[in-house]
Structure formats: C-alpha cells, structure tokens
C-alpha cells in the first residue's frame, strides 16, 4: 500500500473525512456508497460498484431474485437449464 501522507482524526461519531483530492482521484461523489474491507490489520475503503455474483463483472448486469448476474453468466446459466430439460 502507498501512503498518501494525509492524516485525519476520527470524530466522536466514528466518522473520517476523505480529502477532496482522494475523492476526485477515485470518482467518489457525495452520497456514493463505499465498501469497507479488512485486510489483515488494515481497513480498506473502496467505492462500491455493483458486480456479477459469479464472475465479478460490472458490465451489462441483470437482477434475478435480488442478485446481479452479468450477460455472459446469464447465458451460461440458460445453457445449463436447457441441458437439464
């Protein structure tokens, strides 16, 4: 991981302000969802991007029973379903 040299304090409600330079660099706008990960002893913040539950693709997604599936995986599932008939 690369250090930015920026240090921020956590406020009384547990919030940390992301500097505008970082928000601009990563295309994070006000009210954008952010995912929180733990990597060993590090906390990692990442802009949330919806993705396919099978392959992680972020393009051409369809929703099925509350889950996102990309066009390619949907076609594969359709093939499997056709074979089982």
C-alpha atoms as a PDB file:
ATOM      1  CA  UNK A   1       0.000   0.000   0.000  1.00  0.00           C
ATOM      2  CA  UNK A   2       1.168   3.501  -0.786  1.00  0.00           C
ATOM      3  CA  UNK A   3       0.965   6.194   1.907  1.00  0.00           C
ATOM      4  CA  UNK A   4      -0.666   9.496   0.946  1.00  0.00           C
ATOM      5  CA  UNK A   5       0.844  11.374   3.876  1.00  0.00           C
ATOM      6  CA  UNK A   6      -2.656  12.556   4.822  1.00  0.00           C
ATOM      7  CA  UNK A   7      -3.782  12.010   8.418  1.00  0.00           C
ATOM      8  CA  UNK A   8      -7.348  12.524   9.628  1.00  0.00           C
ATOM      9  CA  UNK A   9      -8.852  12.109  13.100  1.00  0.00           C
ATOM     10  CA  UNK A  10     -11.968  10.049  13.790  1.00  0.00           C
ATOM     11  CA  UNK A  11     -14.738  12.281  15.199  1.00  0.00           C
ATOM     12  CA  UNK A  12     -16.994  11.479  18.170  1.00  0.00           C
ATOM     13  CA  UNK A  13     -19.445   9.645  15.854  1.00  0.00           C
ATOM     14  CA  UNK A  14     -16.716   7.468  14.299  1.00  0.00           C
ATOM     15  CA  UNK A  15     -16.556   9.431  11.036  1.00  0.00           C
ATOM     16  CA  UNK A  16     -13.485  10.211   8.945  1.00  0.00           C
ATOM     17  CA  UNK A  17     -13.489  12.843   6.206  1.00  0.00           C
ATOM     18  CA  UNK A  18     -11.977  11.724   2.897  1.00  0.00           C
ATOM     19  CA  UNK A  19      -9.896  14.565   1.412  1.00  0.00           C
ATOM     20  CA  UNK A  20     -11.283  16.119  -1.773  1.00  0.00           C
ATOM     21  CA  UNK A  21      -8.110  15.160  -3.665  1.00  0.00           C
ATOM     22  CA  UNK A  22      -8.763  11.462  -2.984  1.00  0.00           C
ATOM     23  CA  UNK A  23     -12.495  11.735  -3.725  1.00  0.00           C
ATOM     24  CA  UNK A  24     -11.715  13.370  -7.062  1.00  0.00           C
ATOM     25  CA  UNK A  25      -8.986  10.866  -7.911  1.00  0.00           C
ATOM     26  CA  UNK A  26     -11.316   7.897  -7.333  1.00  0.00           C
ATOM     27  CA  UNK A  27     -14.521   9.481  -8.644  1.00  0.00           C
ATOM     28  CA  UNK A  28     -16.291   9.469  -5.283  1.00  0.00           C
ATOM     29  CA  UNK A  29     -19.173  11.929  -5.058  1.00  0.00           C
ATOM     30  CA  UNK A  30     -21.390  12.937  -2.149  1.00  0.00           C
ATOM     31  CA  UNK A  31     -23.644  10.028  -1.065  1.00  0.00           C
ATOM     32  CA  UNK A  32     -21.784   7.438  -3.179  1.00  0.00           C
ATOM     33  CA  UNK A  33     -21.743   4.051  -1.445  1.00  0.00           C
ATOM     34  CA  UNK A  34     -18.368   2.945  -0.068  1.00  0.00           C
ATOM     35  CA  UNK A  35     -17.448  -0.683   0.730  1.00  0.00           C
ATOM     36  CA  UNK A  36     -15.365  -1.410   3.814  1.00  0.00           C
ATOM     37  CA  UNK A  37     -12.915  -4.327   3.802  1.00  0.00           C
ATOM     38  CA  UNK A  38     -10.456  -5.676   6.338  1.00  0.00           C
ATOM     39  CA  UNK A  39      -7.057  -6.835   5.048  1.00  0.00           C
ATOM     40  CA  UNK A  40      -5.021  -8.160   7.962  1.00  0.00           C
ATOM     41  CA  UNK A  41      -4.689  -5.205  10.302  1.00  0.00           C
ATOM     42  CA  UNK A  42      -5.713  -2.653   7.645  1.00  0.00           C
ATOM     43  CA  UNK A  43      -9.116  -1.117   6.914  1.00  0.00           C
ATOM     44  CA  UNK A  44      -9.661  -0.622   3.185  1.00  0.00           C
ATOM     45  CA  UNK A  45     -12.296   1.703   1.706  1.00  0.00           C
ATOM     46  CA  UNK A  46     -13.417   1.167  -1.873  1.00  0.00           C
ATOM     47  CA  UNK A  47     -16.078   2.876  -3.980  1.00  0.00           C
ATOM     48  CA  UNK A  48     -18.918   0.377  -4.314  1.00  0.00           C
ATOM     49  CA  UNK A  49     -19.579  -0.882  -7.821  1.00  0.00           C
ATOM     50  CA  UNK A  50     -22.328  -3.453  -8.348  1.00  0.00           C
ATOM     51  CA  UNK A  51     -20.967  -6.668  -9.898  1.00  0.00           C
ATOM     52  CA  UNK A  52     -21.940 -10.150 -11.030  1.00  0.00           C
ATOM     53  CA  UNK A  53     -22.203 -12.624  -8.131  1.00  0.00           C
ATOM     54  CA  UNK A  54     -20.447 -15.292 -10.213  1.00  0.00           C
ATOM     55  CA  UNK A  55     -17.565 -13.590 -12.040  1.00  0.00           C
ATOM     56  CA  UNK A  56     -17.371 -10.045 -10.623  1.00  0.00           C
ATOM     57  CA  UNK A  57     -18.041  -8.353 -13.986  1.00  0.00           C
ATOM     58  CA  UNK A  58     -19.515  -4.847 -13.684  1.00  0.00           C
ATOM     59  CA  UNK A  59     -20.956  -4.544 -17.219  1.00  0.00           C
ATOM     60  CA  UNK A  60     -24.414  -5.479 -18.570  1.00  0.00           C
ATOM     61  CA  UNK A  61     -25.916  -6.663 -15.280  1.00  0.00           C
ATOM     62  CA  UNK A  62     -29.410  -8.080 -14.769  1.00  0.00           C
ATOM     63  CA  UNK A  63     -31.131  -8.647 -11.450  1.00  0.00           C
ATOM     64  CA  UNK A  64     -32.564 -12.040 -10.535  1.00  0.00           C
ATOM     65  CA  UNK A  65     -34.123 -12.578  -7.101  1.00  0.00           C
ATOM     66  CA  UNK A  66     -32.140  -9.670  -5.661  1.00  0.00           C
ATOM     67  CA  UNK A  67     -28.803 -10.836  -7.118  1.00  0.00           C
ATOM     68  CA  UNK A  68     -26.881  -9.298 -10.016  1.00  0.00           C
ATOM     69  CA  UNK A  69     -25.788 -11.535 -12.896  1.00  0.00           C
ATOM     70  CA  UNK A  70     -23.852 -10.401 -15.992  1.00  0.00           C
ATOM     71  CA  UNK A  71     -24.931 -11.181 -19.547  1.00  0.00           C
ATOM     72  CA  UNK A  72     -22.262 -13.893 -20.025  1.00  0.00           C
ATOM     73  CA  UNK A  73     -23.072 -15.774 -16.810  1.00  0.00           C
ATOM     74  CA  UNK A  74     -26.786 -15.459 -17.556  1.00  0.00           C
ATOM     75  CA  UNK A  75     -26.186 -17.136 -20.929  1.00  0.00           C
ATOM     76  CA  UNK A  76     -24.197 -19.938 -19.262  1.00  0.00           C
ATOM     77  CA  UNK A  77     -26.989 -20.463 -16.727  1.00  0.00           C
ATOM     78  CA  UNK A  78     -29.501 -20.579 -19.550  1.00  0.00           C
ATOM     79  CA  UNK A  79     -27.383 -23.239 -21.307  1.00  0.00           C
ATOM     80  CA  UNK A  80     -27.253 -25.324 -18.119  1.00  0.00           C
ATOM     81  CA  UNK A  81     -31.005 -25.032 -17.659  1.00  0.00           C
ATOM     82  CA  UNK A  82     -31.602 -26.103 -21.279  1.00  0.00           C
ATOM     83  CA  UNK A  83     -29.329 -29.145 -20.887  1.00  0.00           C
ATOM     84  CA  UNK A  84     -31.210 -30.328 -17.778  1.00  0.00           C
ATOM     85  CA  UNK A  85     -34.601 -30.423 -19.531  1.00  0.00           C
END
